[in-house]
Amino acid sequence: MNSLNSEDTAVYYCAATVNRQTVVDDRLYNYWGQGTQVT
């Protein structure tokens, strides 16, 4: 992420889906990390 601003403050999570192509619905993701805080 470039040009970060205050609205980017969040916990960021990595997720994996059994789909091979990109999906945007979080309900379709099967595995999740614990998150990393960006402030």
PDB file of all heavy atoms in Angstrom:
ATOM      1  N   MET A   1       0.835  -1.175   0.000  1.00  0.00           N
ATOM      2  CA  MET A   1       0.000   0.000   0.000  1.00  0.00           C
ATOM      3  C   MET A   1       0.878   1.235   0.000  1.00  0.00           C
ATOM      4  O   MET A   1       1.800   1.351   0.812  1.00  0.00           O
ATOM      5  CB  MET A   1      -0.915   0.023   1.223  1.00  0.00           C
ATOM      6  CG  MET A   1      -1.958  -1.085   1.243  1.00  0.00           C
ATOM      7  SD  MET A   1      -3.440  -0.636   0.313  1.00  0.00           S
ATOM      8  CE  MET A   1      -4.142   0.601   1.411  1.00  0.00           C
ATOM      9  N   ASN A   2       0.587   2.139  -0.908  1.00  0.00           N
ATOM     10  CA  ASN A   2       1.296   3.408  -0.986  1.00  0.00           C
ATOM     11  C   ASN A   2       0.377   4.538  -0.545  1.00  0.00           C
ATOM     12  O   ASN A   2      -0.845   4.394  -0.496  1.00  0.00           O
ATOM     13  CB  ASN A   2       1.788   3.658  -2.411  1.00  0.00           C
ATOM     14  CG  ASN A   2       2.705   2.573  -2.904  1.00  0.00           C
ATOM     15  OD1 ASN A   2       3.547   2.066  -2.162  1.00  0.00           O
ATOM     16  ND2 ASN A   2       2.568   2.212  -4.181  1.00  0.00           N
ATOM     17  N   SER A   3       0.981   5.662  -0.253  1.00  0.00           N
ATOM     18  CA  SER A   3       0.227   6.868   0.123  1.00  0.00           C
ATOM     19  C   SER A   3      -0.801   6.561   1.201  1.00  0.00           C
ATOM     20  O   SER A   3      -1.979   6.903   1.089  1.00  0.00           O
ATOM     21  CB  SER A   3      -0.445   7.476  -1.107  1.00  0.00           C
ATOM     22  OG  SER A   3       0.504   7.826  -2.088  1.00  0.00           O
ATOM     23  N   LEU A   4      -0.347   5.942   2.240  1.00  0.00           N
ATOM     24  CA  LEU A   4      -1.250   5.561   3.318  1.00  0.00           C
ATOM     25  C   LEU A   4      -1.837   6.786   3.998  1.00  0.00           C
ATOM     26  O   LEU A   4      -1.180   7.820   4.136  1.00  0.00           O
ATOM     27  CB  LEU A   4      -0.507   4.708   4.336  1.00  0.00           C
ATOM     28  CG  LEU A   4      -0.108   3.313   3.851  1.00  0.00           C
ATOM     29  CD1 LEU A   4       0.943   2.715   4.769  1.00  0.00           C
ATOM     30  CD2 LEU A   4      -1.331   2.412   3.784  1.00  0.00           C
ATOM     31  N   ASN A   5      -3.066   6.651   4.423  1.00  0.00           N
ATOM     32  CA  ASN A   5      -3.729   7.700   5.168  1.00  0.00           C
ATOM     33  C   ASN A   5      -4.427   7.082   6.368  1.00  0.00           C
ATOM     34  O   ASN A   5      -4.466   5.863   6.538  1.00  0.00           O
ATOM     35  CB  ASN A   5      -4.705   8.482   4.284  1.00  0.00           C
ATOM     36  CG  ASN A   5      -5.774   7.603   3.670  1.00  0.00           C
ATOM     37  OD1 ASN A   5      -6.665   7.121   4.363  1.00  0.00           O
ATOM     38  ND2 ASN A   5      -5.685   7.395   2.358  1.00  0.00           N
ATOM     39  N   SER A   6      -4.985   7.928   7.188  1.00  0.00           N
ATOM     40  CA  SER A   6      -5.566   7.465   8.442  1.00  0.00           C
ATOM     41  C   SER A   6      -6.703   6.477   8.233  1.00  0.00           C
ATOM     42  O   SER A   6      -6.948   5.623   9.094  1.00  0.00           O
ATOM     43  CB  SER A   6      -6.053   8.653   9.278  1.00  0.00           C
ATOM     44  OG  SER A   6      -7.054   9.382   8.589  1.00  0.00           O
ATOM     45  N   GLU A   7      -7.383   6.564   7.120  1.00  0.00           N
ATOM     46  CA  GLU A   7      -8.474   5.630   6.847  1.00  0.00           C
ATOM     47  C   GLU A   7      -7.979   4.221   6.552  1.00  0.00           C
ATOM     48  O   GLU A   7      -8.783   3.287   6.508  1.00  0.00           O
ATOM     49  CB  GLU A   7      -9.334   6.134   5.691  1.00  0.00           C
ATOM     50  CG  GLU A   7     -10.075   7.429   6.006  1.00  0.00           C
ATOM     51  CD  GLU A   7     -11.049   7.834   4.921  1.00  0.00           C
ATOM     52  OE1 GLU A   7     -11.162   7.103   3.910  1.00  0.00           O
ATOM     53  OE2 GLU A   7     -11.702   8.872   5.073  1.00  0.00           O
ATOM     54  N   ASP A   8      -6.686   4.067   6.347  1.00  0.00           N
ATOM     55  CA  ASP A   8      -6.116   2.751   6.129  1.00  0.00           C
ATOM     56  C   ASP A   8      -5.795   2.040   7.430  1.00  0.00           C
ATOM     57  O   ASP A   8      -5.382   0.875   7.404  1.00  0.00           O
ATOM     58  CB  ASP A   8      -4.851   2.852   5.278  1.00  0.00           C
ATOM     59  CG  ASP A   8      -5.125   3.364   3.879  1.00  0.00           C
ATOM     60  OD1 ASP A   8      -6.090   2.896   3.257  1.00  0.00           O
ATOM     61  OD2 ASP A   8      -4.358   4.241   3.415  1.00  0.00           O
ATOM     62  N   THR A   9      -5.938   2.710   8.545  1.00  0.00           N
ATOM     63  CA  THR A   9      -5.701   2.084   9.831  1.00  0.00           C
ATOM     64  C   THR A   9      -6.703   0.957  10.041  1.00  0.00           C
ATOM     65  O   THR A   9      -7.916   1.173  10.020  1.00  0.00           O
ATOM     66  CB  THR A   9      -5.806   3.098  10.969  1.00  0.00           C
ATOM     67  OG1 THR A   9      -4.758   4.061  10.853  1.00  0.00           O
ATOM     68  CG2 THR A   9      -5.690   2.412  12.320  1.00  0.00           C
ATOM     69  N   ALA A  10      -6.188  -0.239  10.230  1.00  0.00           N
ATOM     70  CA  ALA A  10      -7.053  -1.405  10.360  1.00  0.00           C
ATOM     71  C   ALA A  10      -6.193  -2.613  10.676  1.00  0.00           C
ATOM     72  O   ALA A  10      -4.963  -2.580  10.570  1.00  0.00           O
ATOM     73  CB  ALA A  10      -7.843  -1.653   9.072  1.00  0.00           C
ATOM     74  N   VAL A  11      -6.859  -3.677  11.048  1.00  0.00           N
ATOM     75  CA  VAL A  11      -6.220  -4.981  11.087  1.00  0.00           C
ATOM     76  C   VAL A  11      -6.393  -5.606   9.715  1.00  0.00           C
ATOM     77  O   VAL A  11      -7.517  -5.695   9.202  1.00  0.00           O
ATOM     78  CB  VAL A  11      -6.825  -5.884  12.175  1.00  0.00           C
ATOM     79  CG1 VAL A  11      -6.172  -7.260  12.150  1.00  0.00           C
ATOM     80  CG2 VAL A  11      -6.660  -5.250  13.548  1.00  0.00           C
ATOM     81  N   TYR A  12      -5.303  -6.015   9.132  1.00  0.00           N
ATOM     82  CA  TYR A  12      -5.317  -6.585   7.794  1.00  0.00           C
ATOM     83  C   TYR A  12      -5.197  -8.093   7.880  1.00  0.00           C
ATOM     84  O   TYR A  12      -4.327  -8.625   8.568  1.00  0.00           O
ATOM     85  CB  TYR A  12      -4.174  -6.007   6.953  1.00  0.00           C
ATOM     86  CG  TYR A  12      -4.448  -4.602   6.498  1.00  0.00           C
ATOM     87  CD1 TYR A  12      -4.380  -3.539   7.390  1.00  0.00           C
ATOM     88  CD2 TYR A  12      -4.794  -4.330   5.176  1.00  0.00           C
ATOM     89  CE1 TYR A  12      -4.652  -2.246   6.985  1.00  0.00           C
ATOM     90  CE2 TYR A  12      -5.063  -3.043   4.763  1.00  0.00           C
ATOM     91  CZ  TYR A  12      -4.990  -2.000   5.669  1.00  0.00           C
ATOM     92  OH  TYR A  12      -5.260  -0.714   5.254  1.00  0.00           O
ATOM     93  N   TYR A  13      -6.066  -8.770   7.157  1.00  0.00           N
ATOM     94  CA  TYR A  13      -6.142 -10.221   7.192  1.00  0.00           C
ATOM     95  C   TYR A  13      -5.846 -10.814   5.828  1.00  0.00           C
ATOM     96  O   TYR A  13      -6.347 -10.333   4.806  1.00  0.00           O
ATOM     97  CB  TYR A  13      -7.541 -10.673   7.619  1.00  0.00           C
ATOM     98  CG  TYR A  13      -7.926 -10.271   9.010  1.00  0.00           C
ATOM     99  CD1 TYR A  13      -8.614  -9.089   9.245  1.00  0.00           C
ATOM    100  CD2 TYR A  13      -7.609 -11.078  10.099  1.00  0.00           C
ATOM    101  CE1 TYR A  13      -8.973  -8.713  10.520  1.00  0.00           C
ATOM    102  CE2 TYR A  13      -7.969 -10.709  11.378  1.00  0.00           C
ATOM    103  CZ  TYR A  13      -8.653  -9.531  11.581  1.00  0.00           C
ATOM    104  OH  TYR A  13      -9.011  -9.168  12.853  1.00  0.00           O
ATOM    105  N   CYS A  14      -5.065 -11.845   5.842  1.00  0.00           N
ATOM    106  CA  CYS A  14      -4.819 -12.650   4.667  1.00  0.00           C
ATOM    107  C   CYS A  14      -5.801 -13.809   4.659  1.00  0.00           C
ATOM    108  O   CYS A  14      -6.126 -14.372   5.712  1.00  0.00           O
ATOM    109  CB  CYS A  14      -3.376 -13.158   4.689  1.00  0.00           C
ATOM    110  SG  CYS A  14      -2.911 -14.219   3.317  1.00  0.00           S
ATOM    111  N   ALA A  15      -6.285 -14.161   3.495  1.00  0.00           N
ATOM    112  CA  ALA A  15      -7.246 -15.243   3.377  1.00  0.00           C
ATOM    113  C   ALA A  15      -6.989 -16.033   2.106  1.00  0.00           C
ATOM    114  O   ALA A  15      -6.471 -15.502   1.120  1.00  0.00           O
ATOM    115  CB  ALA A  15      -8.679 -14.697   3.371  1.00  0.00           C
ATOM    116  N   ALA A  16      -7.359 -17.280   2.149  1.00  0.00           N
ATOM    117  CA  ALA A  16      -7.211 -18.167   1.004  1.00  0.00           C
ATOM    118  C   ALA A  16      -8.544 -18.811   0.682  1.00  0.00           C
ATOM    119  O   ALA A  16      -9.312 -19.161   1.583  1.00  0.00           O
ATOM    120  CB  ALA A  16      -6.160 -19.242   1.278  1.00  0.00           C
ATOM    121  N   THR A  17      -8.803 -18.964  -0.586  1.00  0.00           N
ATOM    122  CA  THR A  17     -10.029 -19.594  -1.047  1.00  0.00           C
ATOM    123  C   THR A  17      -9.686 -20.794  -1.913  1.00  0.00           C
ATOM    124  O   THR A  17      -8.628 -20.824  -2.550  1.00  0.00           O
ATOM    125  CB  THR A  17     -10.909 -18.616  -1.842  1.00  0.00           C
ATOM    126  OG1 THR A  17     -12.020 -19.299  -2.407  1.00  0.00           O
ATOM    127  CG2 THR A  17     -10.119 -17.942  -2.965  1.00  0.00           C
ATOM    128  N   VAL A  18     -10.572 -21.754  -1.932  1.00  0.00           N
ATOM    129  CA  VAL A  18     -10.369 -22.904  -2.803  1.00  0.00           C
ATOM    130  C   VAL A  18     -10.517 -22.517  -4.267  1.00  0.00           C
ATOM    131  O   VAL A  18     -10.095 -23.262  -5.150  1.00  0.00           O
ATOM    132  CB  VAL A  18     -11.328 -24.049  -2.461  1.00  0.00           C
ATOM    133  CG1 VAL A  18     -11.062 -24.552  -1.055  1.00  0.00           C
ATOM    134  CG2 VAL A  18     -12.781 -23.612  -2.604  1.00  0.00           C
ATOM    135  N   ASN A  19     -11.134 -21.364  -4.534  1.00  0.00           N
ATOM    136  CA  ASN A  19     -11.194 -20.864  -5.892  1.00  0.00           C
ATOM    137  C   ASN A  19      -9.806 -20.536  -6.403  1.00  0.00           C
ATOM    138  O   ASN A  19      -8.954 -20.048  -5.658  1.00  0.00           O
ATOM    139  CB  ASN A  19     -12.082 -19.631  -5.988  1.00  0.00           C
ATOM    140  CG  ASN A  19     -13.511 -19.907  -5.618  1.00  0.00           C
ATOM    141  OD1 ASN A  19     -13.944 -19.675  -4.486  1.00  0.00           O
ATOM    142  ND2 ASN A  19     -14.277 -20.409  -6.585  1.00  0.00           N
ATOM    143  N   ARG A  20      -9.590 -20.750  -7.653  1.00  0.00           N
ATOM    144  CA  ARG A  20      -8.311 -20.419  -8.258  1.00  0.00           C
ATOM    145  C   ARG A  20      -8.273 -19.000  -8.793  1.00  0.00           C
ATOM    146  O   ARG A  20      -7.183 -18.436  -8.937  1.00  0.00           O
ATOM    147  CB  ARG A  20      -7.981 -21.405  -9.377  1.00  0.00           C
ATOM    148  CG  ARG A  20      -7.675 -22.803  -8.877  1.00  0.00           C
ATOM    149  CD  ARG A  20      -7.345 -23.752 -10.015  1.00  0.00           C
ATOM    150  NE  ARG A  20      -7.001 -25.068  -9.501  1.00  0.00           N
ATOM    151  CZ  ARG A  20      -5.767 -25.484  -9.253  1.00  0.00           C
ATOM    152  NH1 ARG A  20      -4.736 -24.689  -9.497  1.00  0.00           N
ATOM    153  NH2 ARG A  20      -5.557 -26.697  -8.774  1.00  0.00           N
ATOM    154  N   GLN A  21      -9.423 -18.431  -9.060  1.00  0.00           N
ATOM    155  CA  GLN A  21      -9.496 -17.071  -9.566  1.00  0.00           C
ATOM    156  C   GLN A  21      -9.940 -16.133  -8.458  1.00  0.00           C
ATOM    157  O   GLN A  21     -10.463 -16.552  -7.427  1.00  0.00           O
ATOM    158  CB  GLN A  21     -10.448 -16.994 -10.759  1.00  0.00           C
ATOM    159  CG  GLN A  21     -10.099 -17.945 -11.886  1.00  0.00           C
ATOM    160  CD  GLN A  21      -8.678 -17.759 -12.395  1.00  0.00           C
ATOM    161  OE1 GLN A  21      -8.167 -16.642 -12.437  1.00  0.00           O
ATOM    162  NE2 GLN A  21      -8.044 -18.848 -12.787  1.00  0.00           N
ATOM    163  N   THR A  22      -9.743 -14.850  -8.680  1.00  0.00           N
ATOM    164  CA  THR A  22     -10.009 -13.861  -7.647  1.00  0.00           C
ATOM    165  C   THR A  22     -11.493 -13.790  -7.311  1.00  0.00           C
ATOM    166  O   THR A  22     -12.351 -13.827  -8.191  1.00  0.00           O
ATOM    167  CB  THR A  22      -9.528 -12.478  -8.077  1.00  0.00           C
ATOM    168  OG1 THR A  22     -10.143 -12.117  -9.315  1.00  0.00           O
ATOM    169  CG2 THR A  22      -8.015 -12.473  -8.262  1.00  0.00           C
ATOM    170  N   VAL A  23     -11.776 -13.676  -6.029  1.00  0.00           N
ATOM    171  CA  VAL A  23     -13.124 -13.455  -5.537  1.00  0.00           C
ATOM    172  C   VAL A  23     -13.065 -12.362  -4.488  1.00  0.00           C
ATOM    173  O   VAL A  23     -12.031 -12.153  -3.841  1.00  0.00           O
ATOM    174  CB  VAL A  23     -13.756 -14.725  -4.942  1.00  0.00           C
ATOM    175  CG1 VAL A  23     -13.963 -15.773  -6.025  1.00  0.00           C
ATOM    176  CG2 VAL A  23     -12.891 -15.285  -3.822  1.00  0.00           C
ATOM    177  N   VAL A  24     -14.149 -11.648  -4.305  1.00  0.00           N
ATOM    178  CA  VAL A  24     -14.189 -10.529  -3.370  1.00  0.00           C
ATOM    179  C   VAL A  24     -15.108 -10.783  -2.189  1.00  0.00           C
ATOM    180  O   VAL A  24     -15.087 -10.013  -1.228  1.00  0.00           O
ATOM    181  CB  VAL A  24     -14.613  -9.231  -4.086  1.00  0.00           C
ATOM    182  CG1 VAL A  24     -13.645  -8.904  -5.215  1.00  0.00           C
ATOM    183  CG2 VAL A  24     -16.034  -9.347  -4.635  1.00  0.00           C
ATOM    184  N   ASP A  25     -15.903 -11.815  -2.233  1.00  0.00           N
ATOM    185  CA  ASP A  25     -16.831 -12.128  -1.158  1.00  0.00           C
ATOM    186  C   ASP A  25     -16.102 -12.902  -0.073  1.00  0.00           C
ATOM    187  O   ASP A  25     -15.610 -14.009  -0.319  1.00  0.00           O
ATOM    188  CB  ASP A  25     -17.998 -12.935  -1.715  1.00  0.00           C
ATOM    189  CG  ASP A  25     -19.124 -13.114  -0.716  1.00  0.00           C
ATOM    190  OD1 ASP A  25     -18.911 -12.898   0.489  1.00  0.00           O
ATOM    191  OD2 ASP A  25     -20.234 -13.483  -1.144  1.00  0.00           O
ATOM    192  N   ASP A  26     -16.033 -12.340   1.124  1.00  0.00           N
ATOM    193  CA  ASP A  26     -15.292 -13.006   2.186  1.00  0.00           C
ATOM    194  C   ASP A  26     -15.919 -14.324   2.596  1.00  0.00           C
ATOM    195  O   ASP A  26     -15.240 -15.174   3.191  1.00  0.00           O
ATOM    196  CB  ASP A  26     -15.110 -12.088   3.396  1.00  0.00           C
ATOM    197  CG  ASP A  26     -16.422 -11.607   4.004  1.00  0.00           C
ATOM    198  OD1 ASP A  26     -17.500 -11.988   3.523  1.00  0.00           O
ATOM    199  OD2 ASP A  26     -16.353 -10.834   4.980  1.00  0.00           O
ATOM    200  N   ARG A  27     -17.180 -14.515   2.280  1.00  0.00           N
ATOM    201  CA  ARG A  27     -17.829 -15.787   2.589  1.00  0.00           C
ATOM    202  C   ARG A  27     -17.290 -16.926   1.748  1.00  0.00           C
ATOM    203  O   ARG A  27     -17.510 -18.095   2.088  1.00  0.00           O
ATOM    204  CB  ARG A  27     -19.340 -15.666   2.389  1.00  0.00           C
ATOM    205  CG  ARG A  27     -20.014 -14.699   3.351  1.00  0.00           C
ATOM    206  CD  ARG A  27     -21.471 -14.495   2.991  1.00  0.00           C
ATOM    207  NE  ARG A  27     -21.599 -13.853   1.691  1.00  0.00           N
ATOM    208  CZ  ARG A  27     -22.755 -13.577   1.103  1.00  0.00           C
ATOM    209  NH1 ARG A  27     -23.891 -13.899   1.711  1.00  0.00           N
ATOM    210  NH2 ARG A  27     -22.786 -12.979  -0.077  1.00  0.00           N
ATOM    211  N   LEU A  28     -16.580 -16.607   0.691  1.00  0.00           N
ATOM    212  CA  LEU A  28     -16.017 -17.623  -0.181  1.00  0.00           C
ATOM    213  C   LEU A  28     -14.583 -17.987   0.172  1.00  0.00           C
ATOM    214  O   LEU A  28     -13.989 -18.827  -0.504  1.00  0.00           O
ATOM    215  CB  LEU A  28     -16.088 -17.157  -1.638  1.00  0.00           C
ATOM    216  CG  LEU A  28     -17.505 -16.893  -2.172  1.00  0.00           C
ATOM    217  CD1 LEU A  28     -17.430 -16.415  -3.616  1.00  0.00           C
ATOM    218  CD2 LEU A  28     -18.369 -18.128  -2.068  1.00  0.00           C
ATOM    219  N   TYR A  29     -14.045 -17.374   1.189  1.00  0.00           N
ATOM    220  CA  TYR A  29     -12.698 -17.690   1.628  1.00  0.00           C
ATOM    221  C   TYR A  29     -12.738 -18.720   2.741  1.00  0.00           C
ATOM    222  O   TYR A  29     -13.575 -18.641   3.650  1.00  0.00           O
ATOM    223  CB  TYR A  29     -11.962 -16.427   2.070  1.00  0.00           C
ATOM    224  CG  TYR A  29     -11.500 -15.608   0.896  1.00  0.00           C
ATOM    225  CD1 TYR A  29     -12.360 -14.727   0.267  1.00  0.00           C
ATOM    226  CD2 TYR A  29     -10.205 -15.737   0.410  1.00  0.00           C
ATOM    227  CE1 TYR A  29     -11.944 -13.994  -0.830  1.00  0.00           C
ATOM    228  CE2 TYR A  29      -9.779 -15.003  -0.680  1.00  0.00           C
ATOM    229  CZ  TYR A  29     -10.654 -14.133  -1.302  1.00  0.00           C
ATOM    230  OH  TYR A  29     -10.227 -13.405  -2.389  1.00  0.00           O
ATOM    231  N   ASN A  30     -11.837 -19.661   2.677  1.00  0.00           N
ATOM    232  CA  ASN A  30     -11.868 -20.824   3.542  1.00  0.00           C
ATOM    233  C   ASN A  30     -10.864 -20.784   4.686  1.00  0.00           C
ATOM    234  O   ASN A  30     -11.066 -21.433   5.713  1.00  0.00           O
ATOM    235  CB  ASN A  30     -11.612 -22.085   2.711  1.00  0.00           C
ATOM    236  CG  ASN A  30     -12.523 -22.185   1.507  1.00  0.00           C
ATOM    237  OD1 ASN A  30     -12.157 -21.788   0.400  1.00  0.00           O
ATOM    238  ND2 ASN A  30     -13.729 -22.713   1.732  1.00  0.00           N
ATOM    239  N   TYR A  31      -9.778 -20.049   4.511  1.00  0.00           N
ATOM    240  CA  TYR A  31      -8.712 -20.000   5.503  1.00  0.00           C
ATOM    241  C   TYR A  31      -8.342 -18.563   5.777  1.00  0.00           C
ATOM    242  O   TYR A  31      -8.264 -17.739   4.863  1.00  0.00           O
ATOM    243  CB  TYR A  31      -7.480 -20.773   5.016  1.00  0.00           C
ATOM    244  CG  TYR A  31      -7.783 -22.178   4.567  1.00  0.00           C
ATOM    245  CD1 TYR A  31      -7.916 -22.473   3.219  1.00  0.00           C
ATOM    246  CD2 TYR A  31      -7.936 -23.210   5.488  1.00  0.00           C
ATOM    247  CE1 TYR A  31      -8.204 -23.751   2.794  1.00  0.00           C
ATOM    248  CE2 TYR A  31      -8.221 -24.495   5.074  1.00  0.00           C
ATOM    249  CZ  TYR A  31      -8.355 -24.760   3.727  1.00  0.00           C
ATOM    250  OH  TYR A  31      -8.642 -26.040   3.311  1.00  0.00           O
ATOM    251  N   TRP A  32      -8.069 -18.268   7.040  1.00  0.00           N
ATOM    252  CA  TRP A  32      -7.777 -16.908   7.474  1.00  0.00           C
ATOM    253  C   TRP A  32      -6.588 -16.882   8.412  1.00  0.00           C
ATOM    254  O   TRP A  32      -6.425 -17.781   9.242  1.00  0.00           O
ATOM    255  CB  TRP A  32      -8.983 -16.291   8.190  1.00  0.00           C
ATOM    256  CG  TRP A  32     -10.156 -16.083   7.291  1.00  0.00           C
ATOM    257  CD1 TRP A  32     -11.093 -16.999   6.930  1.00  0.00           C
ATOM    258  CD2 TRP A  32     -10.514 -14.868   6.640  1.00  0.00           C
ATOM    259  NE1 TRP A  32     -12.015 -16.436   6.090  1.00  0.00           N
ATOM    260  CE2 TRP A  32     -11.683 -15.126   5.896  1.00  0.00           C
ATOM    261  CE3 TRP A  32      -9.964 -13.579   6.620  1.00  0.00           C
ATOM    262  CZ2 TRP A  32     -12.304 -14.139   5.128  1.00  0.00           C
ATOM    263  CZ3 TRP A  32     -10.578 -12.598   5.863  1.00  0.00           C
ATOM    264  CH2 TRP A  32     -11.735 -12.890   5.124  1.00  0.00           C
ATOM    265  N   GLY A  33      -5.780 -15.844   8.278  1.00  0.00           N
ATOM    266  CA  GLY A  33      -4.738 -15.594   9.237  1.00  0.00           C
ATOM    267  C   GLY A  33      -5.266 -14.823  10.426  1.00  0.00           C
ATOM    268  O   GLY A  33      -6.451 -14.466  10.505  1.00  0.00           O
ATOM    269  N   GLN A  34      -4.393 -14.556  11.370  1.00  0.00           N
ATOM    270  CA  GLN A  34      -4.787 -13.862  12.590  1.00  0.00           C
ATOM    271  C   GLN A  34      -4.830 -12.349  12.437  1.00  0.00           C
ATOM    272  O   GLN A  34      -5.405 -11.662  13.279  1.00  0.00           O
ATOM    273  CB  GLN A  34      -3.849 -14.225  13.740  1.00  0.00           C
ATOM    274  CG  GLN A  34      -3.910 -15.691  14.160  1.00  0.00           C
ATOM    275  CD  GLN A  34      -3.058 -16.565  13.279  1.00  0.00           C
ATOM    276  OE1 GLN A  34      -1.905 -16.259  13.024  1.00  0.00           O
ATOM    277  NE2 GLN A  34      -3.630 -17.670  12.813  1.00  0.00           N
ATOM    278  N   GLY A  35      -4.230 -11.829  11.397  1.00  0.00           N
ATOM    279  CA  GLY A  35      -4.248 -10.406  11.142  1.00  0.00           C
ATOM    280  C   GLY A  35      -2.976  -9.715  11.586  1.00  0.00           C
ATOM    281  O   GLY A  35      -2.269 -10.175  12.471  1.00  0.00           O
ATOM    282  N   THR A  36      -2.697  -8.601  10.950  1.00  0.00           N
ATOM    283  CA  THR A  36      -1.583  -7.749  11.333  1.00  0.00           C
ATOM    284  C   THR A  36      -2.072  -6.307  11.375  1.00  0.00           C
ATOM    285  O   THR A  36      -2.778  -5.858  10.477  1.00  0.00           O
ATOM    286  CB  THR A  36      -0.387  -7.915  10.370  1.00  0.00           C
ATOM    287  OG1 THR A  36       0.726  -7.148  10.838  1.00  0.00           O
ATOM    288  CG2 THR A  36      -0.740  -7.494   8.949  1.00  0.00           C
ATOM    289  N   GLN A  37      -1.718  -5.617  12.428  1.00  0.00           N
ATOM    290  CA  GLN A  37      -2.212  -4.264  12.645  1.00  0.00           C
ATOM    291  C   GLN A  37      -1.413  -3.258  11.840  1.00  0.00           C
ATOM    292  O   GLN A  37      -0.179  -3.250  11.881  1.00  0.00           O
ATOM    293  CB  GLN A  37      -2.138  -3.911  14.133  1.00  0.00           C
ATOM    294  CG  GLN A  37      -2.544  -2.475  14.458  1.00  0.00           C
ATOM    295  CD  GLN A  37      -4.026  -2.246  14.319  1.00  0.00           C
ATOM    296  OE1 GLN A  37      -4.831  -3.035  14.819  1.00  0.00           O
ATOM    297  NE2 GLN A  37      -4.402  -1.167  13.627  1.00  0.00           N
ATOM    298  N   VAL A  38      -2.112  -2.409  11.125  1.00  0.00           N
ATOM    299  CA  VAL A  38      -1.509  -1.275  10.443  1.00  0.00           C
ATOM    300  C   VAL A  38      -2.124  -0.013  11.032  1.00  0.00           C
ATOM    301  O   VAL A  38      -3.346   0.149  11.016  1.00  0.00           O
ATOM    302  CB  VAL A  38      -1.740  -1.317   8.921  1.00  0.00           C
ATOM    303  CG1 VAL A  38      -1.214  -0.045   8.263  1.00  0.00           C
ATOM    304  CG2 VAL A  38      -1.072  -2.541   8.319  1.00  0.00           C
ATOM    305  N   THR A  39      -1.289   0.845  11.548  1.00  0.00           N
ATOM    306  CA  THR A  39      -1.739   2.098  12.127  1.00  0.00           C
ATOM    307  C   THR A  39      -1.048   3.245  11.412  1.00  0.00           C
ATOM    308  O   THR A  39       0.183   3.288  11.348  1.00  0.00           O
ATOM    309  CB  THR A  39      -1.433   2.161  13.629  1.00  0.00           C
ATOM    310  OG1 THR A  39      -2.054   1.060  14.294  1.00  0.00           O
ATOM    311  CG2 THR A  39      -1.952   3.462  14.224  1.00  0.00           C
TER     312      THR A  39
END
